[in-house]
Each structure stands twice: as C-alpha cells, then as structure tokens.
C-alpha cells in the first residue's frame, strides 16, 4: 500500500530511497549525459570519466527500474543497445542542471571554505 504523504525524514519511506537514487553522482552524470539524446553504453562510459563498467551497468539498471531510462535492444548482429531518458527522466534535467550550475559557480568558494577549515583544524585539533 502506498503512502499518501511521503516523508523522506522517516527511515522506511520510499521517497528517501528515491532521493538517494537521484542524488547519486553516477545517476546525475548519466541523466545529464542522456539529455543530449539516446546513447549506447560505450558512449555513456566514455563521457563519464571514472565510472566502471559494473557501476554504470548497475546505475542504468536502477534508472530503468525507476522508469527514468529506457533500454532498447535493436535486432542487429551484433545487437545494438541504446539507452534513452523517459519523459519522467527528462523531468529531472532542469533540477539537475540547476544543481550542476550551482556546483560549478560555487566551487571556488567551497574550496576556499574547505582550505580554511583544514587550516583551522591543524591549529586547534578537536
């Protein structure tokens, strides 16, 4: 039975798992890669530096299960598999673009804060 009022502050609420999914770095990067249009697995992997084959496979499967991505197998030899955002997946582009924009615009300030914190920590251990 589905709850009428999701509450991500409650441990067992499915909305918390959904927030975990869409807040995951690989999910963010996959969604933003697929906003450019359908891509093959190898194209996605080349675009996202550092993602392992295993992690990309797990991420794409989870996104497919959540209804954010579709996987289409074209009957060719060898088979060609293409991943694409669903309408639901495309609805995440705006919020994730905003998050990406915020991160890149504020990175210098965050790095300055981290350096200041680290310097202070060295002077006064906790």
C-alpha atoms as a PDB file:
ATOM      1  CA  UNK A   1       0.000   0.000   0.000  1.00  0.00           C
ATOM      2  CA  UNK A   2       1.347   3.427  -0.987  1.00  0.00           C
ATOM      3  CA  UNK A   3       1.529   6.247   1.495  1.00  0.00           C
ATOM      4  CA  UNK A   4      -0.435   9.350   0.560  1.00  0.00           C
ATOM      5  CA  UNK A   5       2.067  11.625   2.286  1.00  0.00           C
ATOM      6  CA  UNK A   6       5.689  10.673   1.547  1.00  0.00           C
ATOM      7  CA  UNK A   7       8.018  11.716   4.344  1.00  0.00           C
ATOM      8  CA  UNK A   8      11.712  11.367   3.468  1.00  0.00           C
ATOM      9  CA  UNK A   9      12.612  12.043   7.109  1.00  0.00           C
ATOM     10  CA  UNK A  10      11.154   8.640   8.020  1.00  0.00           C
ATOM     11  CA  UNK A  11      13.607   5.762   7.641  1.00  0.00           C
ATOM     12  CA  UNK A  12      11.305   3.403   5.742  1.00  0.00           C
ATOM     13  CA  UNK A  13       9.782   5.936   3.354  1.00  0.00           C
ATOM     14  CA  UNK A  14      10.323   5.058  -0.329  1.00  0.00           C
ATOM     15  CA  UNK A  15      10.892   8.755  -1.066  1.00  0.00           C
ATOM     16  CA  UNK A  16      14.179   8.504   0.842  1.00  0.00           C
ATOM     17  CA  UNK A  17      15.374   5.739  -1.474  1.00  0.00           C
ATOM     18  CA  UNK A  18      14.345   7.833  -4.474  1.00  0.00           C
ATOM     19  CA  UNK A  19      16.311  10.798  -3.125  1.00  0.00           C
ATOM     20  CA  UNK A  20      19.304   8.506  -2.667  1.00  0.00           C
ATOM     21  CA  UNK A  21      18.971   7.399  -6.297  1.00  0.00           C
ATOM     22  CA  UNK A  22      18.654  10.829  -7.875  1.00  0.00           C
ATOM     23  CA  UNK A  23      21.308  12.298  -5.570  1.00  0.00           C
ATOM     24  CA  UNK A  24      23.885   9.665  -6.531  1.00  0.00           C
ATOM     25  CA  UNK A  25      26.782  11.110  -8.543  1.00  0.00           C
ATOM     26  CA  UNK A  26      26.592   8.432 -11.245  1.00  0.00           C
ATOM     27  CA  UNK A  27      22.849   8.968 -11.640  1.00  0.00           C
ATOM     28  CA  UNK A  28      23.335  12.710 -12.031  1.00  0.00           C
ATOM     29  CA  UNK A  29      26.045  12.223 -14.644  1.00  0.00           C
ATOM     30  CA  UNK A  30      24.082   9.567 -16.570  1.00  0.00           C
ATOM     31  CA  UNK A  31      20.927  11.709 -16.670  1.00  0.00           C
ATOM     32  CA  UNK A  32      22.890  14.750 -17.818  1.00  0.00           C
ATOM     33  CA  UNK A  33      24.681  12.667 -20.459  1.00  0.00           C
ATOM     34  CA  UNK A  34      21.413  11.267 -21.795  1.00  0.00           C
ATOM     35  CA  UNK A  35      19.831  14.728 -22.027  1.00  0.00           C
ATOM     36  CA  UNK A  36      21.815  15.043 -25.254  1.00  0.00           C
ATOM     37  CA  UNK A  37      19.822  12.142 -26.693  1.00  0.00           C
ATOM     38  CA  UNK A  38      19.947   8.346 -26.891  1.00  0.00           C
ATOM     39  CA  UNK A  39      23.359   6.812 -26.246  1.00  0.00           C
ATOM     40  CA  UNK A  40      24.977   3.409 -26.365  1.00  0.00           C
ATOM     41  CA  UNK A  41      26.591   2.013 -23.226  1.00  0.00           C
ATOM     42  CA  UNK A  42      30.111   2.640 -24.563  1.00  0.00           C
ATOM     43  CA  UNK A  43      29.268   6.262 -25.393  1.00  0.00           C
ATOM     44  CA  UNK A  44      27.961   6.872 -21.880  1.00  0.00           C
ATOM     45  CA  UNK A  45      31.024   5.236 -20.352  1.00  0.00           C
ATOM     46  CA  UNK A  46      33.407   7.313 -22.472  1.00  0.00           C
ATOM     47  CA  UNK A  47      31.580  10.512 -21.492  1.00  0.00           C
ATOM     48  CA  UNK A  48      31.659   9.799 -17.737  1.00  0.00           C
ATOM     49  CA  UNK A  49      35.311   9.603 -16.797  1.00  0.00           C
ATOM     50  CA  UNK A  50      35.985   7.220 -13.921  1.00  0.00           C
ATOM     51  CA  UNK A  51      32.782   5.170 -13.953  1.00  0.00           C
ATOM     52  CA  UNK A  52      33.437   1.436 -14.014  1.00  0.00           C
ATOM     53  CA  UNK A  53      31.547  -0.902 -16.311  1.00  0.00           C
ATOM     54  CA  UNK A  54      29.954  -2.568 -13.285  1.00  0.00           C
ATOM     55  CA  UNK A  55      28.829   0.722 -11.713  1.00  0.00           C
ATOM     56  CA  UNK A  56      27.440   2.061 -14.989  1.00  0.00           C
ATOM     57  CA  UNK A  57      25.531  -1.183 -15.542  1.00  0.00           C
ATOM     58  CA  UNK A  58      24.073  -1.033 -12.020  1.00  0.00           C
ATOM     59  CA  UNK A  59      23.154   2.636 -12.403  1.00  0.00           C
ATOM     60  CA  UNK A  60      21.454   2.130 -15.773  1.00  0.00           C
ATOM     61  CA  UNK A  61      19.505  -0.887 -14.466  1.00  0.00           C
ATOM     62  CA  UNK A  62      18.326   1.061 -11.429  1.00  0.00           C
ATOM     63  CA  UNK A  63      17.300   4.026 -13.588  1.00  0.00           C
ATOM     64  CA  UNK A  64      15.434   1.678 -15.895  1.00  0.00           C
ATOM     65  CA  UNK A  65      13.670   0.065 -12.942  1.00  0.00           C
ATOM     66  CA  UNK A  66      12.696   3.506 -11.623  1.00  0.00           C
ATOM     67  CA  UNK A  67      11.214   4.451 -15.000  1.00  0.00           C
ATOM     68  CA  UNK A  68      13.765   7.174 -15.743  1.00  0.00           C
ATOM     69  CA  UNK A  69      15.587   5.410 -18.586  1.00  0.00           C
ATOM     70  CA  UNK A  70      14.547   3.007 -21.323  1.00  0.00           C
ATOM     71  CA  UNK A  71      16.793   0.332 -22.768  1.00  0.00           C
ATOM     72  CA  UNK A  72      16.168  -0.638 -26.386  1.00  0.00           C
ATOM     73  CA  UNK A  73      17.819  -3.650 -27.982  1.00  0.00           C
ATOM     74  CA  UNK A  74      17.975  -3.360 -31.766  1.00  0.00           C
ATOM     75  CA  UNK A  75      17.888  -6.760 -33.518  1.00  0.00           C
ATOM     76  CA  UNK A  76      21.193  -6.481 -35.354  1.00  0.00           C
ATOM     77  CA  UNK A  77      24.324  -8.579 -35.391  1.00  0.00           C
ATOM     78  CA  UNK A  78      25.884  -7.781 -33.015  1.00  0.00           C
ATOM     79  CA  UNK A  79      22.893  -6.448 -31.049  1.00  0.00           C
ATOM     80  CA  UNK A  80      22.869  -2.684 -30.554  1.00  0.00           C
ATOM     81  CA  UNK A  81      21.593  -1.474 -27.187  1.00  0.00           C
ATOM     82  CA  UNK A  82      20.561   2.154 -26.729  1.00  0.00           C
ATOM     83  CA  UNK A  83      19.634   3.995 -23.533  1.00  0.00           C
ATOM     84  CA  UNK A  84      17.314   6.989 -23.525  1.00  0.00           C
ATOM     85  CA  UNK A  85      15.556   9.171 -20.972  1.00  0.00           C
ATOM     86  CA  UNK A  86      11.843   8.666 -20.485  1.00  0.00           C
ATOM     87  CA  UNK A  87       9.536  11.654 -20.006  1.00  0.00           C
ATOM     88  CA  UNK A  88       9.971  11.148 -16.256  1.00  0.00           C
ATOM     89  CA  UNK A  89      13.751  11.095 -16.665  1.00  0.00           C
ATOM     90  CA  UNK A  90      13.656  14.255 -18.787  1.00  0.00           C
ATOM     91  CA  UNK A  91      11.736  15.974 -15.991  1.00  0.00           C
ATOM     92  CA  UNK A  92      14.930  15.709 -13.886  1.00  0.00           C
ATOM     93  CA  UNK A  93      17.066  17.668 -16.363  1.00  0.00           C
ATOM     94  CA  UNK A  94      16.033  21.102 -15.051  1.00  0.00           C
ATOM     95  CA  UNK A  95      16.684  20.358 -11.376  1.00  0.00           C
ATOM     96  CA  UNK A  96      19.978  18.589 -12.157  1.00  0.00           C
ATOM     97  CA  UNK A  97      21.108  21.402 -14.472  1.00  0.00           C
ATOM     98  CA  UNK A  98      20.411  23.773 -11.589  1.00  0.00           C
ATOM     99  CA  UNK A  99      22.447  21.618  -9.227  1.00  0.00           C
ATOM    100  CA  UNK A 100      25.316  21.381 -11.733  1.00  0.00           C
ATOM    101  CA  UNK A 101      25.222  25.148 -12.286  1.00  0.00           C
ATOM    102  CA  UNK A 102      25.275  25.795  -8.548  1.00  0.00           C
ATOM    103  CA  UNK A 103      28.194  23.394  -8.037  1.00  0.00           C
ATOM    104  CA  UNK A 104      30.335  24.894 -10.790  1.00  0.00           C
ATOM    105  CA  UNK A 105      29.500  28.515  -9.854  1.00  0.00           C
ATOM    106  CA  UNK A 106      30.222  27.980  -6.149  1.00  0.00           C
ATOM    107  CA  UNK A 107      33.156  25.565  -6.362  1.00  0.00           C
ATOM    108  CA  UNK A 108      35.827  28.228  -5.698  1.00  0.00           C
ATOM    109  CA  UNK A 109      34.005  29.445  -2.579  1.00  0.00           C
ATOM    110  CA  UNK A 110      33.525  25.881  -1.307  1.00  0.00           C
ATOM    111  CA  UNK A 111      37.207  25.077  -1.916  1.00  0.00           C
ATOM    112  CA  UNK A 112      38.215  28.246  -0.018  1.00  0.00           C
ATOM    113  CA  UNK A 113      35.967  27.214   2.883  1.00  0.00           C
ATOM    114  CA  UNK A 114      37.478  23.708   2.892  1.00  0.00           C
ATOM    115  CA  UNK A 115      41.021  25.092   2.935  1.00  0.00           C
ATOM    116  CA  UNK A 116      40.143  27.468   5.796  1.00  0.00           C
ATOM    117  CA  UNK A 117      38.514  24.668   7.764  1.00  0.00           C
ATOM    118  CA  UNK A 118      41.526  22.385   7.229  1.00  0.00           C
ATOM    119  CA  UNK A 119      43.958  25.139   8.287  1.00  0.00           C
ATOM    120  CA  UNK A 120      41.933  25.811  11.433  1.00  0.00           C
ATOM    121  CA  UNK A 121      41.739  22.091  12.207  1.00  0.00           C
ATOM    122  CA  UNK A 122      45.528  21.820  12.069  1.00  0.00           C
ATOM    123  CA  UNK A 123      45.853  24.720  14.542  1.00  0.00           C
ATOM    124  CA  UNK A 124      43.215  23.506  17.005  1.00  0.00           C
ATOM    125  CA  UNK A 125      42.659  19.743  16.905  1.00  0.00           C
ATOM    126  CA  UNK A 126      39.182  18.709  18.031  1.00  0.00           C
END
